[in-house]
Amino acid sequence: MFANYRTVFLPIFVSHIIKNKKMNLSGNTILITGGTSGIGLAFAEEFLKAGSKVIITGRRVDRLEAIKSRLSQIVTKVSDVADAAQRIELAEWISKNHPDTNILVNNAGVQLITDFNRGIDLERIGSEIETNLTAPIHLTSLFVPHLKGKKDAAIINVTSGLAFVPIAMMAVYCATKAAMHSLTLSLRYQLKETGIAVYEIIPPSVDTELGHDRRDDKSQSHGGIPIAEFIEGAMAALKNDEYEAAIGMSTGLRAKREEVFEQLNSRFAG
């Protein structure tokens, strides 16, 4: 089976990549979920600089208003992607008010601690799965009909290097990102004849608020590479049509999964 991978499966993905044109970073209308901080906001700022119209969503009105006051050209929308009804309302709002939207960025995510030795909280796990996995699946299904026929249409899924090498204490988060990686492969294959390009951006640890669940100071960032360094690599990957783009340390995580697993998790052993 594995011997036939290169001759059977690889040409399918390569042929899809060859058929697509280079991504144009300007002239788009882009919807970014979870755009009020971190990676989502960085993408928003870079796409604005490149000459695209940007719409961001988030749950917190105060953050959206603060961003709007600083970036007057940005469009903001209060929306909680963890709520199915709000996802439907968002898709309908986009269709009515911004029908030129041609790119969806599934970025919103939450990273929580899961300790099976202490028992699990189904509500917390449900929220994490809803935000990280169910929401992008649902939003994608809602937006595919809208994106079909749009010029330079694309879906960009933000996953994680932890999709390939999980940190055990973040078991559910890592599992959702592994699922998103798998989903992106299938989505790319299913949409290969529609004109909708499907990208996966795979961040390493980036210096954002993600993962505040394990920190006493919830406003503190968790370290990692500077956001500017990440976004430079991510935008270059999109411009160069890297359909599966591992940034920074994520390259090693993807290439040496089992080897890195023990090394990575030994740092978090308590």
Foldseek 3Di string as FASTA:
>chain_A
DVVCCCVPPVVLVVVLLVPADFFQLADAEEEEEPLLWFLNVLSQVVSVVSHYAYEYEDQDPVSQVVVCVVVVRHHYDYADLLDLVRLLVVLVCCCVPPLRHQEYELDFAAFAFDDPVVPGDVVVLSSRCSNLAVSVVSNCVSCPVSNQPHPSHEYEYEAELLCQAPQVRRVSNNVSSVVVVVVQVVVQSVCSPRNYQYAYEYEYQEFILHPLNPPPPSRGTDDDHYSVQSVVQVVVCSSVSVRYHYPDCSVVCNVPVVVCRVVVNVVVDD
